[in-house]
Amino acid sequence: MMTGPASDHDLLDRVRAASDALGNWLEQNDYAGNDPYQLDNIISQVGGRPILGPLMHFARRTLKPYHALIPKRLFQAVPAIVMPQALGDSLTGEAHQPDSKVSRRRAARLLTLLEKARSPLARNAAWGLPFTWGGMGKHPKHWPTTITSTIVLTGLLDAIHLLDRDRVLALLESGIRFMLEEAGLTELPEGACIHFGPGDTRLIINASVAAAGLLARAGRVLDRDDLVALAGRAALFAAHHQNPDGSWFYAPPFRDHAVDTIIDSRHTGYIIEGLVEVNATMRDQRVADAIGLGWSYMQSKLIDDDKPRWSPEQTWPIDSHDVAQSILTAFACGDKGLATRHMAFAMDRFYAADGKFRYKAFENGNNNDTVFIRWTQAPMYKATSKYVANLSVTERG
């Protein structure tokens, strides 16, 4: 692994070149591409068939990560599509680029695409995946979600200096109405949990806290103390449901929902980032303690040197989306050294030149070279752009 000031400078140059190429790739493809979850369409289509449907559903659940083994040509056989989450991440990436005619042109195009991609299933501004997903037809096409809408609205706020401010704020206020009125929330003695989507009453911690981070920020921009207060209650809910070792389960038990014990680096990163954003305003010691304990857990159980782990028990295979999120989480926690180690790993194992980042890396040195717009390209644009912006400041300093 590269070490020392000279190698850090070389890495910064490599990342800057890759980020520039990635921004060009995104624009040249008009922000459209494929997604691993498009396979859920196939599963949903056959879900009602005898024998084959249950078999496909079983395979999806038991062969995780089943997408990693699917040939690249299968994904390339389906049409490229525009995905709102990729648009939001791309906007955040553009916001970290130098203000220029290029960044403003790209941001304007992304805003236009986002306005067109609004979910027709929501009264207010909201976004989801443009295909059926979840297996067995669980979620319909364009079903709006809090997490996708949060990523979109965060991108709009990040890039507000490149865009028409009034259009951004109108979408922000409408998106918040979606979260509070259509997705809804549950208020409990220990705090509040913002729901994942309309009709979904699970208490999914990562989505709620990510939304809380957005609400805290929106409250400051819109001068709405009610949003800041709700964000604080959501942060306290997450702190209350943190496990003694610092981890978080995906969702605690609630009503007829059993506990979902999944723990992984990406969703833990969402929680930590959201809590950091909320506590920038809240400044509550309980939240600060939860951040510290969660970050300690992540470093000890979900990071293997320069690599994010697939789970607390398993490092490989490694997903480029997880690497991108680990870079962002390290920055949120003020650890530029770790962000640099993660970025060096990303460049060594995931960058395939010409602005393309591959999907997965395996312990034996093999890779899944599929390029996905939402899963690899847009998150890596956000991560590389933020890395260049942050490390360039450090270098100048």
Protein backbone atom coordinates (compact mmCIF):
# COMPACT_ATOMS: atom_id res chain seq x y z
CA MET A 1 0.00 0.00 0.00
CA MET A 2 1.27 3.53 -0.72
CA THR A 3 2.46 5.49 2.32
CA GLY A 4 3.94 8.88 3.02
CA PRO A 5 3.36 12.39 1.63
CA ALA A 6 4.69 11.66 -1.88
CA SER A 7 2.47 8.62 -2.34
CA ASP A 8 -0.53 10.48 -0.90
CA HIS A 9 0.05 13.18 -3.50
CA ASP A 10 0.27 10.53 -6.23
CA LEU A 11 -2.96 8.95 -4.98
CA LEU A 12 -4.69 12.33 -5.04
CA ASP A 13 -3.65 12.82 -8.65
CA ARG A 14 -4.93 9.34 -9.56
CA VAL A 15 -8.25 9.93 -7.82
CA ARG A 16 -8.66 13.36 -9.41
CA ALA A 17 -8.14 11.89 -12.88
CA ALA A 18 -10.51 9.00 -12.16
CA SER A 19 -13.16 11.34 -10.76
CA ASP A 20 -12.93 13.61 -13.81
CA ALA A 21 -13.27 10.60 -16.12
CA LEU A 22 -16.19 9.28 -14.07
CA GLY A 23 -18.00 12.62 -14.26
CA ASN A 24 -17.54 12.54 -18.05
CA TRP A 25 -18.79 8.95 -18.20
CA LEU A 26 -21.93 9.82 -16.26
CA GLU A 27 -22.73 12.81 -18.44
CA GLN A 28 -21.99 10.95 -21.69
CA ASN A 29 -24.44 8.22 -20.64
CA ASP A 30 -26.97 10.87 -19.60
CA TYR A 31 -26.93 9.34 -16.09
CA ALA A 32 -28.52 6.08 -17.24
CA GLY A 33 -27.27 2.55 -16.70
CA ASN A 34 -28.06 -0.85 -15.22
CA ASP A 35 -28.59 -2.00 -11.66
CA PRO A 36 -28.18 -5.36 -9.89
CA TYR A 37 -31.70 -5.09 -8.50
CA GLN A 38 -33.16 -5.20 -12.00
CA LEU A 39 -32.89 -8.96 -11.59
CA ASP A 40 -35.67 -8.72 -9.04
CA ASN A 41 -37.96 -8.04 -11.99
CA ILE A 42 -37.23 -11.55 -13.22
CA ILE A 43 -37.82 -13.02 -9.77
CA SER A 44 -41.10 -11.13 -9.44
CA GLN A 45 -42.29 -12.17 -12.89
CA VAL A 46 -41.79 -15.86 -12.13
CA GLY A 47 -42.74 -15.57 -8.47
CA GLY A 48 -46.25 -16.89 -8.97
CA ARG A 49 -45.28 -19.92 -11.00
CA PRO A 50 -45.36 -23.35 -9.36
CA ILE A 51 -41.96 -24.75 -8.40
CA LEU A 52 -39.95 -22.13 -10.34
CA GLY A 53 -41.22 -19.15 -8.34
CA PRO A 54 -40.41 -20.54 -4.88
CA LEU A 55 -37.07 -21.83 -6.21
CA MET A 56 -36.04 -18.40 -7.49
CA HIS A 57 -37.12 -16.77 -4.22
CA PHE A 58 -35.16 -19.34 -2.22
CA ALA A 59 -32.06 -18.81 -4.37
CA ARG A 60 -32.26 -15.06 -3.89
CA ARG A 61 -32.37 -15.39 -0.12
CA THR A 62 -29.76 -18.12 0.31
CA LEU A 63 -27.13 -17.33 -2.32
CA LYS A 64 -26.31 -13.88 -1.03
CA PRO A 65 -24.50 -12.13 -2.60
CA TYR A 66 -26.15 -13.82 -5.59
CA HIS A 67 -25.67 -10.84 -7.92
CA ALA A 68 -21.89 -11.21 -7.76
CA LEU A 69 -21.88 -14.43 -9.77
CA ILE A 70 -24.12 -13.27 -12.62
CA PRO A 71 -22.32 -12.66 -15.93
CA LYS A 72 -21.83 -9.10 -17.08
CA ARG A 73 -23.54 -9.80 -20.41
CA LEU A 74 -26.82 -10.63 -18.67
CA PHE A 75 -27.08 -7.13 -17.18
CA GLN A 76 -26.00 -5.49 -20.42
CA ALA A 77 -28.88 -7.23 -22.21
CA VAL A 78 -31.45 -5.04 -20.42
CA PRO A 79 -32.01 -1.38 -21.36
CA ALA A 80 -30.14 1.32 -19.45
CA ILE A 81 -32.43 3.28 -17.16
CA VAL A 82 -32.29 6.46 -15.07
CA MET A 83 -32.35 5.84 -11.31
CA PRO A 84 -33.11 8.71 -8.91
CA GLN A 85 -30.63 7.53 -6.27
CA ALA A 86 -27.84 7.70 -8.85
CA LEU A 87 -28.98 11.21 -9.78
CA GLY A 88 -28.84 12.31 -6.15
CA ASP A 89 -25.38 10.84 -5.59
CA SER A 90 -24.18 12.39 -8.86
CA LEU A 91 -25.45 15.79 -7.71
CA THR A 92 -23.48 15.48 -4.48
CA GLY A 93 -20.44 14.51 -6.51
CA GLU A 94 -20.92 17.53 -8.78
CA ALA A 95 -21.30 19.79 -5.73
CA HIS A 96 -17.76 18.84 -4.64
CA GLN A 97 -16.31 19.71 -8.04
CA PRO A 98 -15.02 23.25 -8.69
CA ASP A 99 -17.82 25.64 -9.60
CA SER A 100 -17.69 25.93 -13.38
CA LYS A 101 -19.83 25.99 -16.51
CA VAL A 102 -19.45 22.21 -16.68
CA SER A 103 -20.62 21.58 -13.11
CA ARG A 104 -23.55 23.97 -13.53
CA ARG A 105 -24.57 22.34 -16.81
CA ARG A 106 -24.42 18.90 -15.27
CA ALA A 107 -26.29 19.97 -12.15
CA ALA A 108 -29.04 21.56 -14.26
CA ARG A 109 -29.42 18.35 -16.26
CA LEU A 110 -29.58 16.27 -13.08
CA LEU A 111 -32.30 18.53 -11.66
CA THR A 112 -34.34 18.17 -14.85
CA LEU A 113 -34.00 14.39 -14.74
CA LEU A 114 -34.99 14.30 -11.07
CA GLU A 115 -38.11 16.34 -11.70
CA LYS A 116 -39.08 13.88 -14.45
CA ALA A 117 -38.27 10.85 -12.27
CA ARG A 118 -40.61 11.72 -9.40
CA SER A 119 -42.71 8.81 -8.26
CA PRO A 120 -46.26 8.85 -9.65
CA LEU A 121 -47.29 6.87 -6.55
CA ALA A 122 -46.74 9.81 -4.19
CA ARG A 123 -48.69 13.04 -3.78
CA ASN A 124 -45.54 14.95 -2.88
CA ALA A 125 -42.02 14.91 -4.30
CA ALA A 126 -40.60 11.43 -3.70
CA TRP A 127 -38.46 8.93 -5.53
CA GLY A 128 -37.96 5.17 -5.69
CA LEU A 129 -36.56 2.45 -7.92
CA PRO A 130 -37.96 2.42 -11.49
CA PHE A 131 -38.57 -1.33 -11.43
CA THR A 132 -40.21 -3.99 -9.30
CA TRP A 133 -37.90 -5.19 -6.54
CA GLY A 134 -37.79 -7.12 -3.30
CA GLY A 135 -38.59 -10.50 -4.83
CA MET A 136 -42.04 -12.00 -5.34
CA GLY A 137 -43.45 -8.61 -6.34
CA LYS A 138 -42.97 -7.06 -2.90
CA HIS A 139 -42.48 -3.46 -4.05
CA PRO A 140 -44.00 -2.09 -7.26
CA LYS A 141 -42.21 0.03 -9.82
CA HIS A 142 -41.57 3.59 -8.55
CA TRP A 143 -42.64 2.74 -4.99
CA PRO A 144 -41.30 5.82 -3.16
CA THR A 145 -38.88 5.31 -0.29
CA THR A 146 -37.46 7.50 2.42
CA ILE A 147 -33.87 6.43 1.75
CA THR A 148 -33.96 7.16 -1.98
CA SER A 149 -35.75 10.46 -1.39
CA THR A 150 -33.19 11.36 1.29
CA ILE A 151 -30.28 10.74 -1.10
CA VAL A 152 -31.99 12.83 -3.79
CA LEU A 153 -32.81 15.73 -1.47
CA THR A 154 -29.34 15.65 0.05
CA GLY A 155 -27.86 15.92 -3.44
CA LEU A 156 -30.11 18.88 -4.20
CA LEU A 157 -29.07 20.64 -0.99
CA ASP A 158 -25.40 19.90 -1.62
CA ALA A 159 -25.63 21.39 -5.12
CA ILE A 160 -27.97 24.26 -4.31
CA HIS A 161 -25.22 26.76 -5.18
CA LEU A 162 -25.24 25.38 -8.73
CA LEU A 163 -29.03 25.38 -9.15
CA ASP A 164 -32.14 27.52 -9.00
CA ARG A 165 -32.54 27.89 -5.24
CA ASP A 166 -36.32 28.28 -5.32
CA ARG A 167 -36.79 25.06 -7.33
CA VAL A 168 -34.57 23.17 -4.91
CA LEU A 169 -36.35 24.47 -1.81
CA ALA A 170 -39.77 23.68 -3.30
CA LEU A 171 -38.69 20.07 -3.89
CA LEU A 172 -37.14 19.91 -0.43
CA GLU A 173 -40.34 21.05 1.32
CA SER A 174 -42.47 18.71 -0.78
CA GLY A 175 -40.09 15.80 -0.11
CA ILE A 176 -40.29 16.41 3.61
CA ARG A 177 -44.09 16.33 3.41
CA PHE A 178 -43.78 12.94 1.71
CA MET A 179 -41.65 11.58 4.54
CA LEU A 180 -43.85 12.89 7.34
CA GLU A 181 -47.31 12.50 5.80
CA GLU A 182 -47.04 9.62 3.31
CA ALA A 183 -44.19 7.42 4.56
CA GLY A 184 -45.12 8.41 8.11
CA LEU A 185 -43.40 7.87 11.42
CA THR A 186 -43.82 6.11 14.72
CA GLU A 187 -43.41 8.08 17.95
CA LEU A 188 -42.34 6.01 20.96
CA PRO A 189 -41.13 6.93 24.46
CA GLU A 190 -37.51 6.42 23.37
CA GLY A 191 -37.83 8.61 20.28
CA ALA A 192 -39.19 8.66 16.72
CA CYS A 193 -38.61 6.43 13.72
CA ILE A 194 -39.31 7.67 10.19
CA HIS A 195 -40.75 4.86 8.09
CA PHE A 196 -39.07 3.39 5.03
CA GLY A 197 -42.03 3.98 2.73
CA PRO A 198 -45.84 4.19 2.58
CA GLY A 199 -47.43 1.21 4.31
CA ASP A 200 -44.13 -0.14 5.66
CA THR A 201 -44.28 0.01 9.46
CA ARG A 202 -40.93 -1.65 10.20
CA LEU A 203 -38.61 0.50 12.29
CA ILE A 204 -35.63 0.51 9.92
CA ILE A 205 -32.95 2.41 11.77
CA ASN A 206 -30.56 3.32 8.95
CA ALA A 207 -33.25 4.85 6.73
CA SER A 208 -34.75 6.77 9.65
CA VAL A 209 -31.42 8.23 10.76
CA ALA A 210 -30.37 9.10 7.22
CA ALA A 211 -33.67 10.99 6.88
CA ALA A 212 -33.06 12.60 10.26
CA GLY A 213 -29.73 13.96 9.06
CA LEU A 214 -31.52 15.53 6.10
CA LEU A 215 -34.27 16.95 8.34
CA ALA A 216 -31.74 18.53 10.68
CA ARG A 217 -30.04 20.19 7.76
CA ALA A 218 -33.34 21.21 6.14
CA GLY A 219 -34.49 22.65 9.45
CA ARG A 220 -31.49 24.95 9.47
CA VAL A 221 -31.98 25.99 5.84
CA LEU A 222 -35.75 26.50 6.15
CA ASP A 223 -35.62 27.91 9.69
CA ARG A 224 -37.95 25.19 10.98
CA ASP A 225 -37.30 24.18 14.55
CA ASP A 226 -39.90 21.40 14.28
CA LEU A 227 -37.74 19.54 11.78
CA VAL A 228 -34.64 19.92 13.93
CA ALA A 229 -36.59 18.62 16.95
CA LEU A 230 -37.89 15.60 15.00
CA ALA A 231 -34.38 14.83 13.79
CA GLY A 232 -33.25 14.87 17.41
CA ARG A 233 -35.96 12.42 18.45
CA ALA A 234 -34.96 10.09 15.59
CA ALA A 235 -31.34 10.26 16.73
CA LEU A 236 -32.35 9.34 20.28
CA PHE A 237 -34.38 6.42 18.93
CA ALA A 238 -31.26 5.10 17.20
CA ALA A 239 -29.15 5.63 20.32
CA HIS A 240 -31.71 3.72 22.39
CA HIS A 241 -31.70 0.75 20.01
CA GLN A 242 -27.93 0.51 19.70
CA ASN A 243 -26.57 -2.83 20.84
CA PRO A 244 -24.16 -2.88 23.83
CA ASP A 245 -21.21 -3.59 21.51
CA GLY A 246 -21.97 -0.47 19.42
CA SER A 247 -23.66 -2.18 16.48
CA TRP A 248 -27.17 -1.66 15.18
CA PHE A 249 -29.53 -4.30 13.88
CA TYR A 250 -31.34 -3.39 10.68
CA ALA A 251 -34.65 -3.12 12.56
CA PRO A 252 -35.78 -3.89 16.12
CA PRO A 253 -38.92 -5.98 16.75
CA PHE A 254 -42.12 -3.97 16.49
CA ARG A 255 -45.75 -5.09 16.45
CA ASP A 256 -45.92 -8.07 14.09
CA HIS A 257 -42.41 -7.47 12.74
CA ALA A 258 -39.64 -9.71 14.06
CA VAL A 259 -36.18 -8.30 14.73
CA ASP A 260 -34.01 -8.05 11.61
CA THR A 261 -30.49 -8.82 12.81
CA ILE A 262 -28.56 -7.83 9.66
CA ILE A 263 -25.43 -5.80 10.42
CA ASP A 264 -23.22 -4.49 7.63
CA SER A 265 -20.78 -1.66 7.00
CA ARG A 266 -22.88 0.32 4.52
CA HIS A 267 -25.99 0.65 6.68
CA THR A 268 -23.88 1.28 9.79
CA GLY A 269 -22.24 4.07 7.82
CA TYR A 270 -25.63 5.57 6.98
CA ILE A 271 -26.48 5.63 10.68
CA ILE A 272 -23.19 7.18 11.79
CA GLU A 273 -23.30 9.83 9.05
CA GLY A 274 -26.89 10.72 9.96
CA LEU A 275 -26.13 10.95 13.67
CA VAL A 276 -23.12 13.18 13.01
CA GLU A 277 -25.29 15.51 10.92
CA VAL A 278 -28.05 15.66 13.55
CA ASN A 279 -25.67 16.20 16.44
CA ALA A 280 -23.98 19.11 14.67
CA THR A 281 -27.10 21.00 15.77
CA MET A 282 -28.41 18.88 18.65
CA ARG A 283 -25.15 18.52 20.62
CA ASP A 284 -26.57 15.83 22.89
CA GLN A 285 -24.09 13.68 24.83
CA ARG A 286 -26.28 10.59 24.36
CA VAL A 287 -25.99 10.94 20.60
CA ALA A 288 -22.29 11.72 20.82
CA ASP A 289 -21.76 8.56 22.87
CA ALA A 290 -23.72 6.52 20.30
CA ILE A 291 -21.55 7.91 17.51
CA GLY A 292 -18.36 7.08 19.39
CA LEU A 293 -19.48 3.58 20.28
CA GLY A 294 -20.76 2.90 16.75
CA TRP A 295 -17.55 4.15 15.18
CA SER A 296 -15.48 1.99 17.52
CA TYR A 297 -17.58 -1.04 16.57
CA MET A 298 -17.23 -0.27 12.88
CA GLN A 299 -13.46 0.04 13.12
CA SER A 300 -13.08 -3.22 15.06
CA LYS A 301 -15.70 -5.41 13.33
CA LEU A 302 -16.61 -3.90 9.96
CA ILE A 303 -13.22 -2.71 8.69
CA ASP A 304 -10.30 -4.99 7.81
CA ASP A 305 -7.28 -2.68 7.45
CA ASP A 306 -8.09 -0.76 4.22
CA LYS A 307 -11.21 -2.76 3.39
CA PRO A 308 -14.85 -2.63 4.52
CA ARG A 309 -16.07 -6.08 5.56
CA TRP A 310 -19.08 -7.82 4.00
CA SER A 311 -20.32 -8.61 7.53
CA PRO A 312 -18.90 -8.73 11.07
CA GLU A 313 -17.83 -12.33 10.38
CA GLN A 314 -16.72 -12.08 6.74
CA THR A 315 -14.53 -9.72 4.74
CA TRP A 316 -14.90 -11.03 1.18
CA PRO A 317 -16.41 -10.51 -1.36
CA ILE A 318 -16.10 -6.74 -1.21
CA ASP A 319 -18.67 -4.49 -2.85
CA SER A 320 -17.63 -1.18 -4.42
CA HIS A 321 -20.73 0.49 -2.98
CA ASP A 322 -19.51 -0.47 0.50
CA VAL A 323 -16.06 0.94 -0.26
CA ALA A 324 -17.56 4.26 -1.39
CA GLN A 325 -19.69 4.48 1.75
CA SER A 326 -16.72 3.61 3.98
CA ILE A 327 -14.81 6.55 2.51
CA LEU A 328 -17.73 8.87 3.27
CA THR A 329 -18.17 7.48 6.80
CA ALA A 330 -14.47 7.97 7.54
CA PHE A 331 -14.77 11.61 6.47
CA ALA A 332 -17.88 12.05 8.64
CA CYS A 333 -15.86 10.81 11.62
CA GLY A 334 -12.91 13.04 10.79
CA ASP A 335 -10.53 10.19 9.90
CA LYS A 336 -8.85 11.33 6.68
CA GLY A 337 -6.15 8.69 7.12
CA LEU A 338 -8.66 5.87 6.97
CA ALA A 339 -10.47 7.57 4.07
CA THR A 340 -7.13 7.58 2.24
CA ARG A 341 -6.52 3.88 2.89
CA HIS A 342 -10.02 3.03 1.67
CA MET A 343 -9.51 5.19 -1.42
CA ALA A 344 -6.18 3.55 -2.24
CA PHE A 345 -7.91 0.17 -2.02
CA ALA A 346 -10.73 1.44 -4.26
CA MET A 347 -8.28 2.59 -6.90
CA ASP A 348 -6.21 -0.61 -6.76
CA ARG A 349 -9.06 -3.15 -6.83
CA PHE A 350 -12.12 -1.41 -8.27
CA TYR A 351 -11.01 1.18 -10.80
CA ALA A 352 -11.00 -0.31 -14.31
CA ALA A 353 -9.94 2.88 -16.19
CA ASP A 354 -11.96 5.22 -18.43
CA GLY A 355 -14.13 6.35 -15.51
CA LYS A 356 -15.45 2.87 -14.75
CA PHE A 357 -15.55 1.21 -11.34
CA ARG A 358 -16.25 -2.51 -11.16
CA TYR A 359 -18.89 -4.15 -8.98
CA LYS A 360 -17.15 -6.68 -6.71
CA ALA A 361 -13.70 -7.97 -5.78
CA PHE A 362 -12.98 -11.48 -4.50
CA GLU A 363 -10.29 -12.76 -2.16
CA ASN A 364 -8.71 -14.94 -4.87
CA GLY A 365 -8.02 -11.87 -7.01
CA ASN A 366 -10.99 -12.32 -9.34
CA ASN A 367 -13.46 -9.52 -9.98
CA ASN A 368 -16.99 -9.01 -11.20
CA ASP A 369 -16.36 -6.26 -13.76
CA THR A 370 -19.98 -5.23 -14.26
CA VAL A 371 -20.49 -1.46 -14.11
CA PHE A 372 -23.69 -0.30 -12.42
CA ILE A 373 -24.97 3.28 -12.49
CA ARG A 374 -26.57 3.31 -9.01
CA TRP A 375 -24.47 0.70 -7.27
CA THR A 376 -20.94 1.60 -8.41
CA GLN A 377 -20.63 4.69 -10.57
CA ALA A 378 -22.69 7.31 -8.73
CA PRO A 379 -21.52 6.39 -5.18
CA MET A 380 -17.92 6.36 -6.39
CA TYR A 381 -18.37 9.76 -8.02
CA LYS A 382 -19.62 11.10 -4.72
CA ALA A 383 -16.72 9.48 -2.81
CA THR A 384 -13.95 10.44 -5.25
CA SER A 385 -15.21 14.02 -5.60
CA LYS A 386 -15.38 14.47 -1.84
CA TYR A 387 -11.95 12.91 -1.42
CA VAL A 388 -10.39 15.28 -3.95
CA ALA A 389 -12.14 18.30 -2.44
CA ASN A 390 -11.06 17.43 1.11
CA LEU A 391 -7.50 16.31 0.38
CA SER A 392 -6.84 19.21 -1.99
CA VAL A 393 -7.59 21.59 0.89
CA THR A 394 -5.24 19.63 3.15
CA GLU A 395 -2.52 19.69 0.49
CA ARG A 396 -2.84 23.44 0.01
CA GLY A 397 -2.78 23.90 3.78
